[in-house]
């Protein structure tokens, strides 16, 4: 029988540091948060194998090493190619981990295939207005550095509405927890031009001070 602490030790030693190579919104703090939130959500699903879930959460963004566009499928490929995982998991379990990593993407065109995918996807939804805006702004400043303040604001606002507004592509898969309430709160801020602009300006200035 595998020990979750042994797997956790491996993940913290070998996997988490790989996130140091990614952008600030997807660094070490991000993966640790997703891992913690996944295990917290698992309390509602006693049938879930926590060691398998923890591994899926840890690997979910490793595909960013090849860029953002296909990072979800690349993360799944990394899971399947990591022979070290076979000391703890059989082939079916590795496929479940890989599927969960692949299915986490918010813009995915299909519902996660397993409870593991739904939990990891939900854990990856960090519904906190300041965190959402900061991550999106850091991404925009890195990938479109030529945009000035107003350009970054327009880019970010378009992305926020496309993803988080009513009818946006963000989907929440777990009815438990705080994400649904927090998403509604953020939508209220998004609907208030003054409140959202103040939030943006505060974060923009803190990044550029």
N, C-alpha and C. Protein backbone atom coordinates (compact mmCIF):
# COMPACT_ATOMS: atom_id res chain seq x y z
N UNK A 1 0.85 -1.20 0.00
CA UNK A 1 0.00 0.00 0.00
C UNK A 1 0.88 1.25 0.00
N UNK A 2 0.60 2.16 -0.92
CA UNK A 2 1.42 3.36 -1.02
C UNK A 2 1.13 4.33 0.11
N UNK A 3 2.14 5.09 0.47
CA UNK A 3 2.01 6.07 1.54
C UNK A 3 1.95 7.47 0.92
N UNK A 4 0.89 8.22 1.24
CA UNK A 4 0.73 9.54 0.66
C UNK A 4 1.88 10.46 1.04
N UNK A 5 2.45 10.30 2.24
CA UNK A 5 3.55 11.17 2.66
C UNK A 5 4.80 10.92 1.83
N UNK A 6 4.99 9.68 1.40
CA UNK A 6 6.13 9.39 0.52
C UNK A 6 5.95 10.08 -0.82
N UNK A 7 4.73 10.03 -1.34
CA UNK A 7 4.44 10.69 -2.61
C UNK A 7 4.52 12.21 -2.46
N UNK A 8 4.00 12.72 -1.36
CA UNK A 8 4.09 14.16 -1.10
C UNK A 8 5.54 14.63 -1.06
N UNK A 9 6.39 13.85 -0.41
CA UNK A 9 7.81 14.20 -0.32
C UNK A 9 8.44 14.25 -1.71
N UNK A 10 8.13 13.25 -2.53
CA UNK A 10 8.63 13.24 -3.91
C UNK A 10 8.15 14.47 -4.67
N UNK A 11 6.87 14.80 -4.54
CA UNK A 11 6.30 15.93 -5.26
C UNK A 11 6.96 17.24 -4.82
N UNK A 12 7.12 17.41 -3.53
CA UNK A 12 7.70 18.66 -3.02
C UNK A 12 9.17 18.79 -3.41
N UNK A 13 9.85 17.64 -3.54
CA UNK A 13 11.28 17.66 -3.86
C UNK A 13 11.53 17.76 -5.37
N UNK A 14 10.73 17.05 -6.16
CA UNK A 14 11.03 16.91 -7.59
C UNK A 14 10.08 17.67 -8.52
N UNK A 15 8.85 17.91 -8.11
CA UNK A 15 7.85 18.48 -9.01
C UNK A 15 7.60 19.96 -8.74
N UNK A 16 7.33 20.31 -7.50
CA UNK A 16 7.01 21.70 -7.17
C UNK A 16 8.09 22.68 -7.64
N UNK A 17 9.39 22.40 -7.48
CA UNK A 17 10.41 23.36 -7.93
C UNK A 17 10.37 23.64 -9.43
N UNK A 18 9.78 22.77 -10.22
CA UNK A 18 9.70 23.01 -11.67
C UNK A 18 8.80 24.20 -11.99
N UNK A 19 7.92 24.54 -11.07
CA UNK A 19 7.05 25.70 -11.28
C UNK A 19 7.78 27.02 -11.13
N UNK A 20 8.99 27.00 -10.61
CA UNK A 20 9.77 28.22 -10.49
C UNK A 20 10.15 28.79 -11.86
N UNK A 21 10.06 27.97 -12.90
CA UNK A 21 10.41 28.41 -14.24
C UNK A 21 9.25 29.07 -14.98
N UNK A 22 8.05 29.09 -14.36
CA UNK A 22 6.88 29.61 -15.04
C UNK A 22 6.62 31.06 -14.63
N UNK A 23 5.61 31.67 -15.27
CA UNK A 23 5.29 33.06 -14.95
C UNK A 23 4.78 33.17 -13.51
N UNK A 24 4.74 34.40 -13.02
CA UNK A 24 4.42 34.63 -11.61
C UNK A 24 3.04 34.09 -11.23
N UNK A 25 2.12 34.06 -12.17
CA UNK A 25 0.78 33.58 -11.88
C UNK A 25 0.67 32.07 -11.82
N UNK A 26 1.72 31.38 -12.26
CA UNK A 26 1.70 29.91 -12.26
C UNK A 26 2.98 29.36 -11.62
N UNK A 27 3.45 30.05 -10.60
CA UNK A 27 4.66 29.62 -9.92
C UNK A 27 4.40 28.64 -8.81
N UNK A 28 5.38 28.52 -7.94
CA UNK A 28 5.33 27.56 -6.83
C UNK A 28 4.11 27.79 -5.93
N UNK A 29 3.82 29.04 -5.62
CA UNK A 29 2.67 29.33 -4.76
C UNK A 29 1.38 28.81 -5.38
N UNK A 30 1.27 28.93 -6.69
CA UNK A 30 0.05 28.49 -7.37
C UNK A 30 -0.14 26.99 -7.24
N UNK A 31 0.87 26.21 -7.55
CA UNK A 31 0.69 24.75 -7.50
C UNK A 31 0.45 24.28 -6.07
N UNK A 32 1.11 24.89 -5.09
CA UNK A 32 0.87 24.52 -3.70
C UNK A 32 -0.56 24.83 -3.29
N UNK A 33 -1.09 25.95 -3.77
CA UNK A 33 -2.48 26.29 -3.47
C UNK A 33 -3.45 25.30 -4.10
N UNK A 34 -3.20 24.93 -5.35
CA UNK A 34 -4.07 23.96 -6.03
C UNK A 34 -4.03 22.61 -5.32
N UNK A 35 -2.85 22.18 -4.91
CA UNK A 35 -2.73 20.92 -4.18
C UNK A 35 -3.54 20.96 -2.88
N UNK A 36 -3.40 22.05 -2.14
CA UNK A 36 -4.10 22.18 -0.86
C UNK A 36 -5.61 22.23 -1.06
N UNK A 37 -6.06 22.98 -2.07
CA UNK A 37 -7.49 23.10 -2.30
C UNK A 37 -8.08 21.78 -2.79
N UNK A 38 -7.31 21.03 -3.58
CA UNK A 38 -7.79 19.73 -4.06
C UNK A 38 -8.02 18.78 -2.89
N UNK A 39 -7.06 18.73 -1.97
CA UNK A 39 -7.22 17.85 -0.81
C UNK A 39 -8.36 18.32 0.08
N UNK A 40 -8.58 19.61 0.16
CA UNK A 40 -9.69 20.13 0.96
C UNK A 40 -11.03 19.71 0.35
N UNK A 41 -11.15 19.80 -0.97
CA UNK A 41 -12.38 19.39 -1.64
C UNK A 41 -12.61 17.88 -1.55
N UNK A 42 -11.53 17.13 -1.43
CA UNK A 42 -11.64 15.67 -1.37
C UNK A 42 -12.42 15.19 -0.15
N UNK A 43 -12.54 16.03 0.85
CA UNK A 43 -13.27 15.62 2.05
C UNK A 43 -14.72 15.30 1.75
N UNK A 44 -15.26 15.85 0.66
CA UNK A 44 -16.64 15.60 0.28
C UNK A 44 -16.81 14.31 -0.52
N UNK A 45 -15.68 13.68 -0.88
CA UNK A 45 -15.72 12.50 -1.74
C UNK A 45 -14.83 11.41 -1.14
N UNK A 46 -15.37 10.64 -0.20
CA UNK A 46 -14.56 9.63 0.50
C UNK A 46 -13.99 8.54 -0.42
N UNK A 47 -14.57 8.39 -1.60
CA UNK A 47 -14.08 7.37 -2.51
C UNK A 47 -12.80 7.78 -3.24
N UNK A 48 -12.41 9.03 -3.12
CA UNK A 48 -11.24 9.54 -3.84
C UNK A 48 -9.95 9.09 -3.17
N UNK A 49 -9.01 8.62 -3.97
CA UNK A 49 -7.66 8.27 -3.51
C UNK A 49 -6.85 9.56 -3.43
N UNK A 50 -6.51 9.99 -2.23
CA UNK A 50 -5.87 11.29 -2.07
C UNK A 50 -4.47 11.34 -2.66
N UNK A 51 -3.75 10.24 -2.66
CA UNK A 51 -2.41 10.25 -3.25
C UNK A 51 -2.49 10.44 -4.76
N UNK A 52 -3.48 9.84 -5.38
CA UNK A 52 -3.69 10.01 -6.82
C UNK A 52 -4.10 11.46 -7.11
N UNK A 53 -5.01 11.99 -6.31
CA UNK A 53 -5.48 13.37 -6.49
C UNK A 53 -4.35 14.37 -6.30
N UNK A 54 -3.54 14.18 -5.27
CA UNK A 54 -2.43 15.08 -5.00
C UNK A 54 -1.45 15.11 -6.18
N UNK A 55 -1.21 13.94 -6.76
CA UNK A 55 -0.29 13.86 -7.90
C UNK A 55 -0.86 14.58 -9.11
N UNK A 56 -2.14 14.39 -9.38
CA UNK A 56 -2.77 15.09 -10.50
C UNK A 56 -2.69 16.60 -10.32
N UNK A 57 -2.95 17.07 -9.10
CA UNK A 57 -2.87 18.51 -8.83
C UNK A 57 -1.45 19.03 -9.02
N UNK A 58 -0.47 18.25 -8.59
CA UNK A 58 0.93 18.68 -8.68
C UNK A 58 1.40 18.78 -10.13
N UNK A 59 0.93 17.90 -10.99
CA UNK A 59 1.39 17.85 -12.38
C UNK A 59 0.56 18.71 -13.33
N UNK A 60 -0.54 19.30 -12.84
CA UNK A 60 -1.55 19.83 -13.76
C UNK A 60 -1.03 20.92 -14.69
N UNK A 61 -0.04 21.70 -14.30
CA UNK A 61 0.46 22.79 -15.15
C UNK A 61 1.88 22.58 -15.66
N UNK A 62 2.44 21.40 -15.49
CA UNK A 62 3.83 21.19 -15.94
C UNK A 62 4.00 21.41 -17.43
N UNK A 63 2.94 21.24 -18.20
CA UNK A 63 3.02 21.44 -19.64
C UNK A 63 3.31 22.87 -20.05
N UNK A 64 3.24 23.82 -19.10
CA UNK A 64 3.59 25.21 -19.41
C UNK A 64 5.03 25.35 -19.87
N UNK A 65 5.83 24.35 -19.61
CA UNK A 65 7.23 24.38 -20.07
C UNK A 65 7.29 24.53 -21.59
N UNK A 66 6.23 24.10 -22.28
CA UNK A 66 6.17 24.20 -23.75
C UNK A 66 5.27 25.32 -24.22
N UNK A 67 4.83 26.18 -23.32
CA UNK A 67 3.92 27.26 -23.69
C UNK A 67 2.51 27.00 -23.20
N UNK A 68 1.67 28.02 -23.29
CA UNK A 68 0.35 27.97 -22.67
C UNK A 68 -0.70 27.27 -23.52
N UNK A 69 -0.60 27.38 -24.84
CA UNK A 69 -1.70 26.96 -25.71
C UNK A 69 -2.10 25.50 -25.51
N UNK A 70 -1.11 24.61 -25.45
CA UNK A 70 -1.40 23.18 -25.32
C UNK A 70 -0.90 22.63 -23.98
N UNK A 71 -0.82 23.48 -22.98
CA UNK A 71 -0.18 23.04 -21.75
C UNK A 71 -0.94 21.92 -21.06
N UNK A 72 -2.25 21.87 -21.23
CA UNK A 72 -3.05 20.83 -20.57
C UNK A 72 -2.76 19.44 -21.15
N UNK A 73 -2.67 19.37 -22.49
CA UNK A 73 -2.35 18.07 -23.11
C UNK A 73 -0.88 17.72 -22.88
N UNK A 74 -0.02 18.74 -22.85
CA UNK A 74 1.39 18.47 -22.56
C UNK A 74 1.58 18.00 -21.13
N UNK A 75 0.78 18.53 -20.19
CA UNK A 75 0.86 18.06 -18.81
C UNK A 75 0.48 16.58 -18.73
N UNK A 76 -0.55 16.19 -19.45
CA UNK A 76 -0.95 14.78 -19.47
C UNK A 76 0.16 13.91 -20.03
N UNK A 77 0.82 14.38 -21.06
CA UNK A 77 1.92 13.63 -21.66
C UNK A 77 3.07 13.47 -20.67
N UNK A 78 3.37 14.53 -19.93
CA UNK A 78 4.44 14.47 -18.93
C UNK A 78 4.12 13.43 -17.87
N UNK A 79 2.86 13.36 -17.44
CA UNK A 79 2.45 12.34 -16.47
C UNK A 79 2.73 10.95 -17.02
N UNK A 80 2.29 10.70 -18.24
CA UNK A 80 2.40 9.36 -18.83
C UNK A 80 3.85 8.96 -19.08
N UNK A 81 4.72 9.94 -19.27
CA UNK A 81 6.12 9.64 -19.58
C UNK A 81 7.01 9.60 -18.34
N UNK A 82 6.48 9.96 -17.18
CA UNK A 82 7.30 9.98 -15.97
C UNK A 82 7.31 8.58 -15.34
N UNK A 83 8.37 7.85 -15.61
CA UNK A 83 8.47 6.46 -15.14
C UNK A 83 8.51 6.36 -13.62
N UNK A 84 8.90 7.42 -12.95
CA UNK A 84 8.98 7.38 -11.49
C UNK A 84 7.62 7.13 -10.86
N UNK A 85 6.56 7.55 -11.52
CA UNK A 85 5.23 7.38 -10.95
C UNK A 85 4.80 5.91 -10.88
N UNK A 86 5.46 5.08 -11.68
CA UNK A 86 5.06 3.68 -11.72
C UNK A 86 5.48 2.89 -10.48
N UNK A 87 6.26 3.50 -9.63
CA UNK A 87 6.57 2.83 -8.36
C UNK A 87 5.39 2.90 -7.40
N UNK A 88 4.42 3.79 -7.69
CA UNK A 88 3.25 3.93 -6.82
C UNK A 88 1.93 3.61 -7.52
N UNK A 89 1.86 3.86 -8.83
CA UNK A 89 0.59 3.77 -9.53
C UNK A 89 0.66 2.77 -10.68
N UNK A 90 -0.46 2.07 -10.90
CA UNK A 90 -0.53 1.18 -12.07
C UNK A 90 -0.94 1.99 -13.30
N UNK A 91 -1.02 1.33 -14.44
CA UNK A 91 -1.26 2.04 -15.70
C UNK A 91 -2.61 2.75 -15.71
N UNK A 92 -3.63 2.10 -15.18
CA UNK A 92 -4.96 2.72 -15.16
C UNK A 92 -4.95 3.98 -14.29
N UNK A 93 -4.26 3.92 -13.18
CA UNK A 93 -4.20 5.08 -12.29
C UNK A 93 -3.41 6.22 -12.93
N UNK A 94 -2.35 5.89 -13.64
CA UNK A 94 -1.57 6.92 -14.33
C UNK A 94 -2.42 7.59 -15.40
N UNK A 95 -3.23 6.81 -16.09
CA UNK A 95 -4.13 7.40 -17.08
C UNK A 95 -5.16 8.31 -16.42
N UNK A 96 -5.63 7.94 -15.25
CA UNK A 96 -6.57 8.79 -14.51
C UNK A 96 -5.91 10.10 -14.11
N UNK A 97 -4.67 10.01 -13.63
CA UNK A 97 -3.91 11.22 -13.27
C UNK A 97 -3.72 12.11 -14.50
N UNK A 98 -3.33 11.50 -15.61
CA UNK A 98 -3.09 12.26 -16.84
C UNK A 98 -4.37 12.91 -17.34
N UNK A 99 -5.47 12.18 -17.31
CA UNK A 99 -6.75 12.74 -17.74
C UNK A 99 -7.15 13.93 -16.86
N UNK A 100 -6.93 13.80 -15.56
CA UNK A 100 -7.28 14.89 -14.64
C UNK A 100 -6.44 16.13 -14.93
N UNK A 101 -5.15 15.93 -15.20
CA UNK A 101 -4.28 17.06 -15.54
C UNK A 101 -4.73 17.72 -16.84
N UNK A 102 -5.10 16.90 -17.81
CA UNK A 102 -5.54 17.44 -19.10
C UNK A 102 -6.86 18.18 -19.00
N UNK A 103 -7.77 17.68 -18.16
CA UNK A 103 -9.12 18.22 -18.11
C UNK A 103 -9.26 19.46 -17.23
N UNK A 104 -8.17 19.93 -16.61
CA UNK A 104 -8.30 21.04 -15.68
C UNK A 104 -8.54 22.38 -16.35
N UNK A 105 -8.23 22.49 -17.63
CA UNK A 105 -8.20 23.80 -18.28
C UNK A 105 -9.59 24.44 -18.32
N UNK A 106 -9.66 25.71 -17.93
CA UNK A 106 -10.95 26.41 -17.83
C UNK A 106 -11.64 26.51 -19.18
N UNK A 107 -10.87 26.62 -20.26
CA UNK A 107 -11.45 26.77 -21.58
C UNK A 107 -11.67 25.44 -22.29
N UNK A 108 -11.56 24.34 -21.56
CA UNK A 108 -11.77 23.02 -22.16
C UNK A 108 -13.17 22.93 -22.75
N UNK A 109 -13.30 22.20 -23.87
CA UNK A 109 -14.60 22.07 -24.52
C UNK A 109 -15.39 20.88 -24.02
N UNK A 110 -14.92 20.22 -22.97
CA UNK A 110 -15.66 19.10 -22.42
C UNK A 110 -15.54 19.07 -20.90
N UNK A 111 -16.52 18.45 -20.27
CA UNK A 111 -16.51 18.30 -18.83
C UNK A 111 -15.42 17.32 -18.43
N UNK A 112 -14.74 17.56 -17.30
CA UNK A 112 -13.74 16.59 -16.84
C UNK A 112 -14.32 15.18 -16.78
N UNK A 113 -13.50 14.21 -17.17
CA UNK A 113 -13.99 12.84 -17.33
C UNK A 113 -14.16 12.08 -16.03
N UNK A 114 -13.50 12.51 -14.97
CA UNK A 114 -13.56 11.79 -13.70
C UNK A 114 -13.71 12.77 -12.55
N UNK A 115 -14.00 12.25 -11.38
CA UNK A 115 -14.07 13.10 -10.19
C UNK A 115 -12.72 13.74 -9.91
N UNK A 116 -11.63 13.08 -10.26
CA UNK A 116 -10.30 13.65 -10.06
C UNK A 116 -10.13 14.90 -10.93
N UNK A 117 -10.58 14.81 -12.17
CA UNK A 117 -10.49 15.96 -13.06
C UNK A 117 -11.36 17.11 -12.59
N UNK A 118 -12.55 16.79 -12.08
CA UNK A 118 -13.43 17.84 -11.60
C UNK A 118 -12.85 18.54 -10.37
N UNK A 119 -12.25 17.75 -9.48
CA UNK A 119 -11.66 18.36 -8.28
C UNK A 119 -10.46 19.22 -8.64
N UNK A 120 -9.56 18.72 -9.50
CA UNK A 120 -8.39 19.51 -9.87
C UNK A 120 -8.81 20.77 -10.61
N UNK A 121 -9.79 20.65 -11.50
CA UNK A 121 -10.27 21.83 -12.22
C UNK A 121 -10.83 22.86 -11.26
N UNK A 122 -11.60 22.39 -10.28
CA UNK A 122 -12.18 23.31 -9.30
C UNK A 122 -11.09 23.93 -8.41
N UNK A 123 -10.13 23.12 -8.00
CA UNK A 123 -9.04 23.62 -7.16
C UNK A 123 -8.20 24.67 -7.90
N UNK A 124 -8.14 24.55 -9.22
CA UNK A 124 -7.37 25.48 -10.03
C UNK A 124 -8.10 26.81 -10.22
N UNK A 125 -9.39 26.83 -9.92
CA UNK A 125 -10.17 28.06 -10.03
C UNK A 125 -9.98 28.87 -8.76
N UNK A 126 -9.02 29.72 -8.75
CA UNK A 126 -8.77 30.55 -7.58
C UNK A 126 -9.63 31.80 -7.71
N UNK A 127 -10.84 31.73 -7.12
CA UNK A 127 -11.81 32.80 -7.29
C UNK A 127 -11.59 33.85 -6.20
N UNK A 128 -10.66 34.71 -6.47
CA UNK A 128 -10.34 35.84 -5.60
C UNK A 128 -10.02 37.00 -6.51
N UNK A 129 -10.81 38.06 -6.42
CA UNK A 129 -10.69 39.15 -7.37
C UNK A 129 -9.28 39.68 -7.54
N UNK A 130 -8.61 39.96 -6.45
CA UNK A 130 -7.26 40.51 -6.53
C UNK A 130 -6.29 39.52 -7.17
N UNK A 131 -6.40 38.25 -6.79
CA UNK A 131 -5.52 37.23 -7.37
C UNK A 131 -5.78 37.06 -8.86
N UNK A 132 -7.05 37.03 -9.25
CA UNK A 132 -7.43 36.88 -10.66
C UNK A 132 -6.84 38.01 -11.50
N UNK A 133 -7.05 39.24 -11.04
CA UNK A 133 -6.59 40.40 -11.80
C UNK A 133 -5.07 40.46 -11.84
N UNK A 134 -4.42 40.19 -10.71
CA UNK A 134 -2.97 40.23 -10.66
C UNK A 134 -2.35 39.20 -11.60
N UNK A 135 -2.86 37.97 -11.57
CA UNK A 135 -2.32 36.92 -12.44
C UNK A 135 -2.51 37.28 -13.91
N UNK A 136 -3.71 37.77 -14.26
CA UNK A 136 -4.00 38.12 -15.64
C UNK A 136 -3.15 39.32 -16.10
N UNK A 137 -2.94 40.28 -15.21
CA UNK A 137 -2.13 41.44 -15.56
C UNK A 137 -0.67 41.07 -15.72
N UNK A 138 -0.14 40.24 -14.83
CA UNK A 138 1.25 39.77 -14.96
C UNK A 138 1.45 39.02 -16.27
N UNK A 139 0.47 38.21 -16.64
CA UNK A 139 0.55 37.47 -17.90
C UNK A 139 0.56 38.45 -19.08
N UNK A 140 -0.33 39.43 -19.03
CA UNK A 140 -0.41 40.40 -20.11
C UNK A 140 0.86 41.23 -20.24
N UNK A 141 1.43 41.62 -19.12
CA UNK A 141 2.64 42.44 -19.14
C UNK A 141 3.84 41.64 -19.65
N UNK A 142 3.83 40.34 -19.41
CA UNK A 142 4.92 39.51 -19.90
C UNK A 142 4.80 39.24 -21.39
N UNK A 143 3.59 38.96 -21.86
CA UNK A 143 3.40 38.53 -23.24
C UNK A 143 3.06 39.67 -24.19
N UNK A 144 2.60 40.81 -23.65
CA UNK A 144 2.36 41.99 -24.48
C UNK A 144 2.97 43.21 -23.79
N UNK A 145 4.29 43.21 -23.66
CA UNK A 145 4.95 44.28 -22.89
C UNK A 145 4.84 45.66 -23.53
N UNK A 146 4.46 45.72 -24.80
CA UNK A 146 4.36 47.00 -25.47
C UNK A 146 3.11 47.78 -25.12
N UNK A 147 2.16 47.14 -24.46
CA UNK A 147 0.93 47.83 -24.10
C UNK A 147 1.15 48.74 -22.90
N UNK A 148 0.59 49.96 -22.98
CA UNK A 148 0.66 50.86 -21.85
C UNK A 148 -0.46 50.53 -20.86
N UNK A 149 -0.62 51.35 -19.83
CA UNK A 149 -1.63 51.09 -18.80
C UNK A 149 -3.02 50.87 -19.41
N UNK A 150 -3.43 51.77 -20.30
CA UNK A 150 -4.78 51.66 -20.87
C UNK A 150 -4.92 50.44 -21.76
N UNK A 151 -3.84 50.12 -22.47
CA UNK A 151 -3.87 48.92 -23.30
C UNK A 151 -3.99 47.66 -22.47
N UNK A 152 -3.26 47.61 -21.37
CA UNK A 152 -3.34 46.47 -20.48
C UNK A 152 -4.73 46.38 -19.85
N UNK A 153 -5.31 47.53 -19.53
CA UNK A 153 -6.65 47.53 -18.94
C UNK A 153 -7.68 46.98 -19.93
N UNK A 154 -7.61 47.42 -21.16
CA UNK A 154 -8.57 46.95 -22.16
C UNK A 154 -8.40 45.45 -22.41
N UNK A 155 -7.15 44.99 -22.50
CA UNK A 155 -6.90 43.56 -22.71
C UNK A 155 -7.43 42.75 -21.55
N UNK A 156 -7.16 43.22 -20.33
CA UNK A 156 -7.57 42.48 -19.15
C UNK A 156 -9.10 42.47 -19.01
N UNK A 157 -9.75 43.60 -19.24
CA UNK A 157 -11.20 43.66 -19.13
C UNK A 157 -11.87 42.72 -20.13
N UNK A 158 -11.38 42.68 -21.34
CA UNK A 158 -11.94 41.77 -22.34
C UNK A 158 -11.82 40.32 -21.89
N UNK A 159 -10.65 39.98 -21.34
CA UNK A 159 -10.42 38.61 -20.86
C UNK A 159 -11.31 38.29 -19.66
N UNK A 160 -11.46 39.24 -18.74
CA UNK A 160 -12.30 39.01 -17.57
C UNK A 160 -13.74 38.72 -17.97
N UNK A 161 -14.26 39.51 -18.90
CA UNK A 161 -15.65 39.31 -19.33
C UNK A 161 -15.82 37.99 -20.08
N UNK A 162 -14.85 37.66 -20.89
CA UNK A 162 -14.93 36.42 -21.67
C UNK A 162 -14.90 35.19 -20.77
N UNK A 163 -14.14 35.28 -19.67
CA UNK A 163 -13.94 34.11 -18.81
C UNK A 163 -14.88 34.08 -17.61
N UNK A 164 -15.03 35.21 -16.91
CA UNK A 164 -15.68 35.19 -15.60
C UNK A 164 -17.10 35.73 -15.59
N UNK A 165 -17.50 36.47 -16.59
CA UNK A 165 -18.83 37.08 -16.57
C UNK A 165 -19.90 36.00 -16.78
N UNK A 166 -21.17 36.38 -16.57
CA UNK A 166 -22.27 35.45 -16.85
C UNK A 166 -22.19 34.99 -18.30
N UNK A 167 -22.24 33.70 -18.52
CA UNK A 167 -22.08 33.16 -19.86
C UNK A 167 -20.64 32.96 -20.28
N UNK A 168 -19.68 33.32 -19.40
CA UNK A 168 -18.27 33.13 -19.71
C UNK A 168 -17.90 31.65 -19.72
N UNK A 169 -16.69 31.38 -20.20
CA UNK A 169 -16.32 29.98 -20.38
C UNK A 169 -15.87 29.27 -19.11
N UNK A 170 -15.65 30.02 -18.02
CA UNK A 170 -15.30 29.37 -16.76
C UNK A 170 -16.47 28.54 -16.25
N UNK A 171 -16.21 27.29 -15.93
CA UNK A 171 -17.24 26.40 -15.38
C UNK A 171 -16.77 25.90 -14.01
N UNK A 172 -17.69 25.87 -13.07
CA UNK A 172 -17.42 25.29 -11.76
C UNK A 172 -18.08 23.92 -11.70
N UNK A 173 -17.31 22.92 -11.28
CA UNK A 173 -17.77 21.54 -11.35
C UNK A 173 -18.15 20.97 -9.99
N UNK A 174 -17.77 21.61 -8.92
CA UNK A 174 -18.02 21.09 -7.58
C UNK A 174 -18.98 22.03 -6.85
N UNK A 175 -20.11 21.53 -6.37
CA UNK A 175 -21.07 22.41 -5.71
C UNK A 175 -20.66 22.84 -4.31
N UNK A 176 -19.65 22.18 -3.74
CA UNK A 176 -19.22 22.49 -2.38
C UNK A 176 -18.14 23.58 -2.40
N UNK A 177 -17.85 24.10 -1.25
CA UNK A 177 -16.78 25.07 -1.13
C UNK A 177 -17.26 26.49 -1.40
N UNK A 178 -16.30 27.37 -1.57
CA UNK A 178 -16.58 28.79 -1.62
C UNK A 178 -16.55 29.38 -3.02
N UNK A 179 -16.16 28.61 -4.02
CA UNK A 179 -15.94 29.19 -5.34
C UNK A 179 -17.18 29.82 -5.95
N UNK A 180 -18.34 29.18 -5.81
CA UNK A 180 -19.55 29.73 -6.41
C UNK A 180 -19.88 31.09 -5.80
N UNK A 181 -19.79 31.20 -4.49
CA UNK A 181 -20.07 32.48 -3.83
C UNK A 181 -19.06 33.54 -4.24
N UNK A 182 -17.78 33.16 -4.28
CA UNK A 182 -16.74 34.11 -4.63
C UNK A 182 -16.86 34.57 -6.08
N UNK A 183 -17.28 33.65 -6.96
CA UNK A 183 -17.46 34.02 -8.36
C UNK A 183 -18.57 35.06 -8.49
N UNK A 184 -19.65 34.89 -7.77
CA UNK A 184 -20.74 35.87 -7.80
C UNK A 184 -20.26 37.22 -7.29
N UNK A 185 -19.46 37.22 -6.24
CA UNK A 185 -18.93 38.48 -5.70
C UNK A 185 -18.04 39.17 -6.74
N UNK A 186 -17.20 38.39 -7.41
CA UNK A 186 -16.31 38.98 -8.41
C UNK A 186 -17.11 39.53 -9.60
N UNK A 187 -18.18 38.84 -9.97
CA UNK A 187 -19.01 39.33 -11.06
C UNK A 187 -19.65 40.68 -10.72
N UNK A 188 -19.96 40.89 -9.44
CA UNK A 188 -20.51 42.18 -9.02
C UNK A 188 -19.47 43.29 -9.18
N UNK A 189 -18.22 42.98 -8.86
CA UNK A 189 -17.13 43.95 -9.05
C UNK A 189 -16.93 44.22 -10.53
N UNK A 190 -16.96 43.15 -11.32
CA UNK A 190 -16.76 43.28 -12.77
C UNK A 190 -17.85 44.14 -13.40
N UNK A 191 -19.03 44.08 -12.84
CA UNK A 191 -20.16 44.84 -13.38
C UNK A 191 -20.13 46.32 -12.97
N UNK A 192 -19.25 46.67 -12.04
CA UNK A 192 -19.14 48.04 -11.55
C UNK A 192 -17.87 48.66 -12.13
N UNK A 193 -17.98 49.51 -13.15
CA UNK A 193 -16.79 50.05 -13.82
C UNK A 193 -15.83 50.78 -12.88
N UNK A 194 -16.38 51.51 -11.92
CA UNK A 194 -15.53 52.27 -10.99
C UNK A 194 -14.78 51.31 -10.07
N UNK A 195 -15.48 50.35 -9.50
CA UNK A 195 -14.86 49.41 -8.58
C UNK A 195 -13.79 48.58 -9.29
N UNK A 196 -14.10 48.13 -10.50
CA UNK A 196 -13.12 47.30 -11.21
C UNK A 196 -11.91 48.13 -11.63
N UNK A 197 -12.14 49.36 -12.07
CA UNK A 197 -11.01 50.20 -12.46
C UNK A 197 -10.12 50.49 -11.26
N UNK A 198 -10.71 50.74 -10.10
CA UNK A 198 -9.92 50.97 -8.90
C UNK A 198 -9.08 49.75 -8.54
N UNK A 199 -9.68 48.56 -8.68
CA UNK A 199 -8.94 47.33 -8.41
C UNK A 199 -7.77 47.20 -9.36
N UNK A 200 -8.03 47.41 -10.65
CA UNK A 200 -6.97 47.32 -11.64
C UNK A 200 -5.84 48.30 -11.36
N UNK A 201 -6.18 49.57 -11.10
CA UNK A 201 -5.17 50.60 -10.89
C UNK A 201 -4.31 50.29 -9.66
N UNK A 202 -4.94 49.81 -8.60
CA UNK A 202 -4.19 49.47 -7.39
C UNK A 202 -3.18 48.38 -7.67
N UNK A 203 -3.59 47.35 -8.39
CA UNK A 203 -2.70 46.23 -8.67
C UNK A 203 -1.64 46.63 -9.68
N UNK A 204 -2.02 47.39 -10.70
CA UNK A 204 -1.06 47.86 -11.70
C UNK A 204 0.04 48.68 -11.03
N UNK A 205 -0.34 49.60 -10.15
CA UNK A 205 0.64 50.44 -9.46
C UNK A 205 1.53 49.63 -8.54
N UNK A 206 0.96 48.62 -7.89
CA UNK A 206 1.79 47.81 -6.97
C UNK A 206 2.82 46.98 -7.73
N UNK A 207 2.49 46.58 -8.94
CA UNK A 207 3.42 45.81 -9.77
C UNK A 207 4.52 46.71 -10.32
N UNK A 208 4.17 47.95 -10.65
CA UNK A 208 5.10 48.84 -11.35
C UNK A 208 5.77 49.87 -10.45
N UNK A 209 5.57 49.76 -9.14
CA UNK A 209 6.19 50.76 -8.25
C UNK A 209 7.70 50.55 -8.14
